Amino acid sequence: MTINAHGCGVITREKLAPGTPVLLDLLTDQRQAKGIVVDAVMLDQSGEDWLVGIELGNQGNFWGLLDAPADWQSLEEP
């Protein structure tokens, strides 16, 4: 998984279509955020692994990183 203030990239076993709504659960802090799939890229020829880009509905430090870049703090916190 890769993260930033605008969303994340996750590897899934099936392709999710752009526009698909998703709910992200941050289990360590018991927080949730709504997002939307913006793209899906096949990672192998079998079509079993996909890199799915998800855009958060509210941008900011949803991830709770203590050392997040300064510009993340200017975005809306969850």
PDB file of N, CA and C in Angstrom:
ATOM      1  N   MET A   1       0.847  -1.167   0.000  1.00  0.00           N
ATOM      2  CA  MET A   1       0.000   0.000   0.000  1.00  0.00           C
ATOM      3  C   MET A   1       0.892   1.230   0.000  1.00  0.00           C
ATOM      4  N   THR A   2       0.502   2.199  -0.803  1.00  0.00           N
ATOM      5  CA  THR A   2       1.143   3.510  -0.769  1.00  0.00           C
ATOM      6  C   THR A   2       0.078   4.515  -0.355  1.00  0.00           C
ATOM      7  N   ILE A   3       0.494   5.536   0.379  1.00  0.00           N
ATOM      8  CA  ILE A   3      -0.470   6.522   0.867  1.00  0.00           C
ATOM      9  C   ILE A   3       0.025   7.931   0.605  1.00  0.00           C
ATOM     10  N   ASN A   4      -0.922   8.860   0.564  1.00  0.00           N
ATOM     11  CA  ASN A   4      -0.607  10.282   0.549  1.00  0.00           C
ATOM     12  C   ASN A   4      -1.828  11.032   1.063  1.00  0.00           C
ATOM     13  N   ALA A   5      -1.768  12.340   1.056  1.00  0.00           N
ATOM     14  CA  ALA A   5      -2.858  13.142   1.602  1.00  0.00           C
ATOM     15  C   ALA A   5      -4.129  13.069   0.756  1.00  0.00           C
ATOM     16  N   HIS A   6      -4.003  12.607  -0.464  1.00  0.00           N
ATOM     17  CA  HIS A   6      -5.147  12.575  -1.376  1.00  0.00           C
ATOM     18  C   HIS A   6      -5.778  11.198  -1.492  1.00  0.00           C
ATOM     19  N   GLY A   7      -5.065  10.156  -1.046  1.00  0.00           N
ATOM     20  CA  GLY A   7      -5.612   8.810  -1.170  1.00  0.00           C
ATOM     21  C   GLY A   7      -4.567   7.744  -0.974  1.00  0.00           C
ATOM     22  N   CYS A   8      -4.726   6.656  -1.743  1.00  0.00           N
ATOM     23  CA  CYS A   8      -3.798   5.541  -1.591  1.00  0.00           C
ATOM     24  C   CYS A   8      -3.846   4.654  -2.824  1.00  0.00           C
ATOM     25  N   GLY A   9      -2.864   3.765  -2.894  1.00  0.00           N
ATOM     26  CA  GLY A   9      -2.837   2.712  -3.885  1.00  0.00           C
ATOM     27  C   GLY A   9      -2.791   1.391  -3.156  1.00  0.00           C
ATOM     28  N   VAL A  10      -3.670   0.483  -3.495  1.00  0.00           N
ATOM     29  CA  VAL A  10      -3.716  -0.824  -2.845  1.00  0.00           C
ATOM     30  C   VAL A  10      -3.713  -1.920  -3.909  1.00  0.00           C
ATOM     31  N   ILE A  11      -3.192  -3.078  -3.536  1.00  0.00           N
ATOM     32  CA  ILE A  11      -3.196  -4.224  -4.436  1.00  0.00           C
ATOM     33  C   ILE A  11      -4.402  -5.086  -4.088  1.00  0.00           C
ATOM     34  N   THR A  12      -5.199  -5.391  -5.105  1.00  0.00           N
ATOM     35  CA  THR A  12      -6.391  -6.211  -4.915  1.00  0.00           C
ATOM     36  C   THR A  12      -6.334  -7.422  -5.845  1.00  0.00           C
ATOM     37  N   ARG A  13      -7.189  -8.385  -5.577  1.00  0.00           N
ATOM     38  CA  ARG A  13      -7.267  -9.590  -6.398  1.00  0.00           C
ATOM     39  C   ARG A  13      -8.233  -9.437  -7.568  1.00  0.00           C
ATOM     40  N   GLU A  14      -9.022  -8.385  -7.559  1.00  0.00           N
ATOM     41  CA  GLU A  14      -9.924  -8.154  -8.693  1.00  0.00           C
ATOM     42  C   GLU A  14      -9.920  -6.688  -9.069  1.00  0.00           C
ATOM     43  N   LYS A  15     -10.227  -6.444 -10.321  1.00  0.00           N
ATOM     44  CA  LYS A  15     -10.247  -5.079 -10.825  1.00  0.00           C
ATOM     45  C   LYS A  15     -11.488  -4.367 -10.293  1.00  0.00           C
ATOM     46  N   LEU A  16     -11.291  -3.163  -9.803  1.00  0.00           N
ATOM     47  CA  LEU A  16     -12.411  -2.313  -9.404  1.00  0.00           C
ATOM     48  C   LEU A  16     -12.532  -1.191 -10.429  1.00  0.00           C
ATOM     49  N   ALA A  17     -13.725  -0.960 -10.898  1.00  0.00           N
ATOM     50  CA  ALA A  17     -13.947   0.035 -11.942  1.00  0.00           C
ATOM     51  C   ALA A  17     -13.819   1.451 -11.392  1.00  0.00           C
ATOM     52  N   PRO A  18     -13.271   2.372 -12.192  1.00  0.00           N
ATOM     53  CA  PRO A  18     -13.244   3.776 -11.783  1.00  0.00           C
ATOM     54  C   PRO A  18     -14.660   4.241 -11.436  1.00  0.00           C
ATOM     55  N   GLY A  19     -14.742   5.014 -10.353  1.00  0.00           N
ATOM     56  CA  GLY A  19     -16.030   5.498  -9.886  1.00  0.00           C
ATOM     57  C   GLY A  19     -16.644   4.641  -8.792  1.00  0.00           C
ATOM     58  N   THR A  20     -16.068   3.460  -8.538  1.00  0.00           N
ATOM     59  CA  THR A  20     -16.582   2.580  -7.493  1.00  0.00           C
ATOM     60  C   THR A  20     -16.344   3.205  -6.121  1.00  0.00           C
ATOM     61  N   PRO A  21     -17.386   3.377  -5.321  1.00  0.00           N
ATOM     62  CA  PRO A  21     -17.178   3.905  -3.973  1.00  0.00           C
ATOM     63  C   PRO A  21     -16.551   2.843  -3.076  1.00  0.00           C
ATOM     64  N   VAL A  22     -15.657   3.273  -2.193  1.00  0.00           N
ATOM     65  CA  VAL A  22     -15.009   2.367  -1.248  1.00  0.00           C
ATOM     66  C   VAL A  22     -15.035   2.986   0.142  1.00  0.00           C
ATOM     67  N   LEU A  23     -14.930   2.140   1.150  1.00  0.00           N
ATOM     68  CA  LEU A  23     -14.837   2.580   2.536  1.00  0.00           C
ATOM     69  C   LEU A  23     -13.535   2.030   3.089  1.00  0.00           C
ATOM     70  N   LEU A  24     -12.639   2.925   3.482  1.00  0.00           N
ATOM     71  CA  LEU A  24     -11.353   2.517   4.043  1.00  0.00           C
ATOM     72  C   LEU A  24     -11.477   2.450   5.553  1.00  0.00           C
ATOM     73  N   ASP A  25     -11.031   1.348   6.130  1.00  0.00           N
ATOM     74  CA  ASP A  25     -11.018   1.166   7.581  1.00  0.00           C
ATOM     75  C   ASP A  25      -9.580   1.215   8.060  1.00  0.00           C
ATOM     76  N   LEU A  26      -9.263   2.156   8.928  1.00  0.00           N
ATOM     77  CA  LEU A  26      -7.952   2.228   9.558  1.00  0.00           C
ATOM     78  C   LEU A  26      -8.079   1.519  10.895  1.00  0.00           C
ATOM     79  N   LEU A  27      -7.729   0.252  10.912  1.00  0.00           N
ATOM     80  CA  LEU A  27      -7.996  -0.608  12.064  1.00  0.00           C
ATOM     81  C   LEU A  27      -7.250  -0.183  13.321  1.00  0.00           C
ATOM     82  N   THR A  28      -6.054   0.362  13.164  1.00  0.00           N
ATOM     83  CA  THR A  28      -5.267   0.745  14.338  1.00  0.00           C
ATOM     84  C   THR A  28      -5.924   1.862  15.137  1.00  0.00           C
ATOM     85  N   ASP A  29      -6.628   2.769  14.454  1.00  0.00           N
ATOM     86  CA  ASP A  29      -7.269   3.911  15.120  1.00  0.00           C
ATOM     87  C   ASP A  29      -8.792   3.849  15.066  1.00  0.00           C
ATOM     88  N   GLN A  30      -9.331   2.779  14.499  1.00  0.00           N
ATOM     89  CA  GLN A  30     -10.765   2.604  14.348  1.00  0.00           C
ATOM     90  C   GLN A  30     -11.421   3.818  13.681  1.00  0.00           C
ATOM     91  N   ARG A  31     -10.790   4.264  12.579  1.00  0.00           N
ATOM     92  CA  ARG A  31     -11.342   5.372  11.793  1.00  0.00           C
ATOM     93  C   ARG A  31     -11.731   4.853  10.422  1.00  0.00           C
ATOM     94  N   GLN A  32     -12.665   5.560   9.800  1.00  0.00           N
ATOM     95  CA  GLN A  32     -13.094   5.217   8.455  1.00  0.00           C
ATOM     96  C   GLN A  32     -13.074   6.460   7.577  1.00  0.00           C
ATOM     97  N   ALA A  33     -12.871   6.225   6.294  1.00  0.00           N
ATOM     98  CA  ALA A  33     -12.918   7.310   5.322  1.00  0.00           C
ATOM     99  C   ALA A  33     -13.557   6.788   4.047  1.00  0.00           C
ATOM    100  N   LYS A  34     -14.368   7.622   3.444  1.00  0.00           N
ATOM    101  CA  LYS A  34     -14.953   7.284   2.156  1.00  0.00           C
ATOM    102  C   LYS A  34     -14.000   7.704   1.054  1.00  0.00           C
ATOM    103  N   GLY A  35     -13.997   6.911   0.001  1.00  0.00           N
ATOM    104  CA  GLY A  35     -13.163   7.214  -1.145  1.00  0.00           C
ATOM    105  C   GLY A  35     -13.818   6.705  -2.413  1.00  0.00           C
ATOM    106  N   ILE A  36     -13.120   6.906  -3.514  1.00  0.00           N
ATOM    107  CA  ILE A  36     -13.620   6.469  -4.808  1.00  0.00           C
ATOM    108  C   ILE A  36     -12.438   5.948  -5.633  1.00  0.00           C
ATOM    109  N   VAL A  37     -12.659   4.873  -6.363  1.00  0.00           N
ATOM    110  CA  VAL A  37     -11.625   4.321  -7.234  1.00  0.00           C
ATOM    111  C   VAL A  37     -11.427   5.263  -8.411  1.00  0.00           C
ATOM    112  N   VAL A  38     -10.165   5.603  -8.674  1.00  0.00           N
ATOM    113  CA  VAL A  38      -9.871   6.475  -9.810  1.00  0.00           C
ATOM    114  C   VAL A  38      -9.196   5.735 -10.953  1.00  0.00           C
ATOM    115  N   ASP A  39      -8.535   4.598 -10.644  1.00  0.00           N
ATOM    116  CA  ASP A  39      -7.875   3.841 -11.705  1.00  0.00           C
ATOM    117  C   ASP A  39      -7.517   2.454 -11.185  1.00  0.00           C
ATOM    118  N   ALA A  40      -7.334   1.514 -12.102  1.00  0.00           N
ATOM    119  CA  ALA A  40      -6.873   0.167 -11.764  1.00  0.00           C
ATOM    120  C   ALA A  40      -5.923  -0.290 -12.862  1.00  0.00           C
ATOM    121  N   VAL A  41      -4.753  -0.775 -12.445  1.00  0.00           N
ATOM    122  CA  VAL A  41      -3.723  -1.205 -13.381  1.00  0.00           C
ATOM    123  C   VAL A  41      -3.388  -2.666 -13.099  1.00  0.00           C
ATOM    124  N   MET A  42      -3.432  -3.507 -14.158  1.00  0.00           N
ATOM    125  CA  MET A  42      -3.110  -4.917 -14.000  1.00  0.00           C
ATOM    126  C   MET A  42      -1.615  -5.066 -13.719  1.00  0.00           C
ATOM    127  N   LEU A  43      -1.276  -5.852 -12.689  1.00  0.00           N
ATOM    128  CA  LEU A  43       0.122  -6.025 -12.309  1.00  0.00           C
ATOM    129  C   LEU A  43       0.767  -7.269 -12.893  1.00  0.00           C
ATOM    130  N   ASP A  44      -0.027  -8.236 -13.314  1.00  0.00           N
ATOM    131  CA  ASP A  44       0.535  -9.445 -13.918  1.00  0.00           C
ATOM    132  C   ASP A  44      -0.380  -9.928 -15.042  1.00  0.00           C
ATOM    133  N   GLN A  45       0.142 -10.761 -15.897  1.00  0.00           N
ATOM    134  CA  GLN A  45      -0.612 -11.216 -17.064  1.00  0.00           C
ATOM    135  C   GLN A  45      -1.809 -12.092 -16.713  1.00  0.00           C
ATOM    136  N   SER A  46      -1.826 -12.664 -15.517  1.00  0.00           N
ATOM    137  CA  SER A  46      -2.937 -13.532 -15.127  1.00  0.00           C
ATOM    138  C   SER A  46      -4.194 -12.728 -14.799  1.00  0.00           C
ATOM    139  N   GLY A  47      -4.029 -11.435 -14.559  1.00  0.00           N
ATOM    140  CA  GLY A  47      -5.177 -10.607 -14.194  1.00  0.00           C
ATOM    141  C   GLY A  47      -5.633 -10.815 -12.771  1.00  0.00           C
ATOM    142  N   GLU A  48      -4.782 -11.435 -11.953  1.00  0.00           N
ATOM    143  CA  GLU A  48      -5.153 -11.719 -10.567  1.00  0.00           C
ATOM    144  C   GLU A  48      -4.725 -10.636  -9.590  1.00  0.00           C
ATOM    145  N   ASP A  49      -3.798  -9.781  -9.984  1.00  0.00           N
ATOM    146  CA  ASP A  49      -3.319  -8.715  -9.103  1.00  0.00           C
ATOM    147  C   ASP A  49      -3.488  -7.370  -9.789  1.00  0.00           C
ATOM    148  N   TRP A  50      -4.135  -6.447  -9.065  1.00  0.00           N
ATOM    149  CA  TRP A  50      -4.416  -5.112  -9.586  1.00  0.00           C
ATOM    150  C   TRP A  50      -3.931  -4.057  -8.612  1.00  0.00           C
ATOM    151  N   LEU A  51      -3.323  -3.006  -9.137  1.00  0.00           N
ATOM    152  CA  LEU A  51      -2.997  -1.834  -8.336  1.00  0.00           C
ATOM    153  C   LEU A  51      -4.157  -0.860  -8.522  1.00  0.00           C
ATOM    154  N   VAL A  52      -4.874  -0.593  -7.431  1.00  0.00           N
ATOM    155  CA  VAL A  52      -6.076   0.241  -7.480  1.00  0.00           C
ATOM    156  C   VAL A  52      -5.791   1.570  -6.790  1.00  0.00           C
ATOM    157  N   GLY A  53      -6.007   2.655  -7.516  1.00  0.00           N
ATOM    158  CA  GLY A  53      -5.840   3.998  -6.967  1.00  0.00           C
ATOM    159  C   GLY A  53      -7.145   4.484  -6.378  1.00  0.00           C
ATOM    160  N   ILE A  54      -7.100   4.935  -5.119  1.00  0.00           N
ATOM    161  CA  ILE A  54      -8.294   5.398  -4.413  1.00  0.00           C
ATOM    162  C   ILE A  54      -8.084   6.841  -3.969  1.00  0.00           C
ATOM    163  N   GLU A  55      -9.043   7.690  -4.293  1.00  0.00           N
ATOM    164  CA  GLU A  55      -9.017   9.089  -3.868  1.00  0.00           C
ATOM    165  C   GLU A  55      -9.922   9.255  -2.654  1.00  0.00           C
ATOM    166  N   LEU A  56      -9.386   9.864  -1.592  1.00  0.00           N
ATOM    167  CA  LEU A  56     -10.170  10.109  -0.389  1.00  0.00           C
ATOM    168  C   LEU A  56     -11.204  11.206  -0.618  1.00  0.00           C
ATOM    169  N   GLY A  57     -12.351  11.085   0.037  1.00  0.00           N
ATOM    170  CA  GLY A  57     -13.374  12.119  -0.036  1.00  0.00           C
ATOM    171  C   GLY A  57     -12.933  13.398   0.670  1.00  0.00           C
ATOM    172  N   ASN A  58     -12.242  13.260   1.816  1.00  0.00           N
ATOM    173  CA  ASN A  58     -11.681  14.391   2.551  1.00  0.00           C
ATOM    174  C   ASN A  58     -10.179  14.205   2.595  1.00  0.00           C
ATOM    175  N   GLN A  59      -9.463  15.140   1.998  1.00  0.00           N
ATOM    176  CA  GLN A  59      -8.014  15.014   1.938  1.00  0.00           C
ATOM    177  C   GLN A  59      -7.367  15.492   3.228  1.00  0.00           C
ATOM    178  N   GLY A  60      -6.269  14.864   3.577  1.00  0.00           N
ATOM    179  CA  GLY A  60      -5.537  15.232   4.776  1.00  0.00           C
ATOM    180  C   GLY A  60      -4.818  14.038   5.355  1.00  0.00           C
ATOM    181  N   ASN A  61      -4.466  14.124   6.611  1.00  0.00           N
ATOM    182  CA  ASN A  61      -3.710  13.068   7.261  1.00  0.00           C
ATOM    183  C   ASN A  61      -4.635  12.037   7.906  1.00  0.00           C
ATOM    184  N   PHE A  62      -5.503  11.445   7.110  1.00  0.00           N
ATOM    185  CA  PHE A  62      -6.368  10.368   7.586  1.00  0.00           C
ATOM    186  C   PHE A  62      -5.541   9.243   8.195  1.00  0.00           C
ATOM    187  N   TRP A  63      -4.333   9.051   7.704  1.00  0.00           N
ATOM    188  CA  TRP A  63      -3.486   7.932   8.088  1.00  0.00           C
ATOM    189  C   TRP A  63      -2.898   8.097   9.482  1.00  0.00           C
ATOM    190  N   GLY A  64      -2.955   9.287  10.044  1.00  0.00           N
ATOM    191  CA  GLY A  64      -2.461   9.511  11.393  1.00  0.00           C
ATOM    192  C   GLY A  64      -0.948   9.494  11.519  1.00  0.00           C
ATOM    193  N   LEU A  65      -0.246   9.825  10.448  1.00  0.00           N
ATOM    194  CA  LEU A  65       1.208   9.851  10.496  1.00  0.00           C
ATOM    195  C   LEU A  65       1.698  11.016  11.347  1.00  0.00           C
ATOM    196  N   LEU A  66       2.579  10.712  12.282  1.00  0.00           N
ATOM    197  CA  LEU A  66       3.122  11.755  13.153  1.00  0.00           C
ATOM    198  C   LEU A  66       4.100  12.650  12.417  1.00  0.00           C
ATOM    199  N   ASP A  67       4.802  12.106  11.454  1.00  0.00           N
ATOM    200  CA  ASP A  67       5.789  12.892  10.702  1.00  0.00           C
ATOM    201  C   ASP A  67       5.318  13.180   9.275  1.00  0.00           C
ATOM    202  N   ALA A  68       4.037  13.424   9.116  1.00  0.00           N
ATOM    203  CA  ALA A  68       3.474  13.722   7.796  1.00  0.00           C
ATOM    204  C   ALA A  68       4.046  15.041   7.280  1.00  0.00           C
ATOM    205  N   PRO A  69       4.181  15.165   5.970  1.00  0.00           N
ATOM    206  CA  PRO A  69       4.666  16.422   5.405  1.00  0.00           C
ATOM    207  C   PRO A  69       3.797  17.603   5.854  1.00  0.00           C
ATOM    208  N   ALA A  70       4.402  18.766   5.956  1.00  0.00           N
ATOM    209  CA  ALA A  70       3.706  19.959   6.453  1.00  0.00           C
ATOM    210  C   ALA A  70       2.469  20.300   5.622  1.00  0.00           C
ATOM    211  N   ASP A  71       2.513  20.086   4.309  1.00  0.00           N
ATOM    212  CA  ASP A  71       1.375  20.461   3.469  1.00  0.00           C
ATOM    213  C   ASP A  71       0.176  19.539   3.699  1.00  0.00           C
ATOM    214  N   TRP A  72       0.357  18.380   4.324  1.00  0.00           N
ATOM    215  CA  TRP A  72      -0.791  17.521   4.665  1.00  0.00           C
ATOM    216  C   TRP A  72      -1.628  18.180   5.741  1.00  0.00           C
ATOM    217  N   GLN A  73      -0.999  18.943   6.622  1.00  0.00           N
ATOM    218  CA  GLN A  73      -1.714  19.560   7.737  1.00  0.00           C
ATOM    219  C   GLN A  73      -2.646  20.666   7.268  1.00  0.00           C
ATOM    220  N   SER A  74      -2.369  21.258   6.111  1.00  0.00           N
ATOM    221  CA  SER A  74      -3.221  22.336   5.611  1.00  0.00           C
ATOM    222  C   SER A  74      -4.503  21.795   4.984  1.00  0.00           C
ATOM    223  N   LEU A  75      -4.523  20.505   4.727  1.00  0.00           N
ATOM    224  CA  LEU A  75      -5.712  19.887   4.178  1.00  0.00           C
ATOM    225  C   LEU A  75      -6.664  19.516   5.298  1.00  0.00           C
ATOM    226  N   GLU A  76      -7.892  19.282   4.963  1.00  0.00           N
ATOM    227  CA  GLU A  76      -8.921  18.963   5.974  1.00  0.00           C
ATOM    228  C   GLU A  76      -8.588  17.681   6.714  1.00  0.00           C
ATOM    229  N   GLU A  77      -8.549  17.738   8.030  1.00  0.00           N
ATOM    230  CA  GLU A  77      -8.309  16.559   8.866  1.00  0.00           C
ATOM    231  C   GLU A  77      -9.599  15.766   8.985  1.00  0.00           C
ATOM    232  N   PRO A  78      -9.512  14.433   9.156  1.00  0.00           N
ATOM    233  CA  PRO A  78     -10.720  13.623   9.300  1.00  0.00           C
ATOM    234  C   PRO A  78     -11.431  13.888  10.614  1.00  0.00           C
TER     235      PRO A  78
END
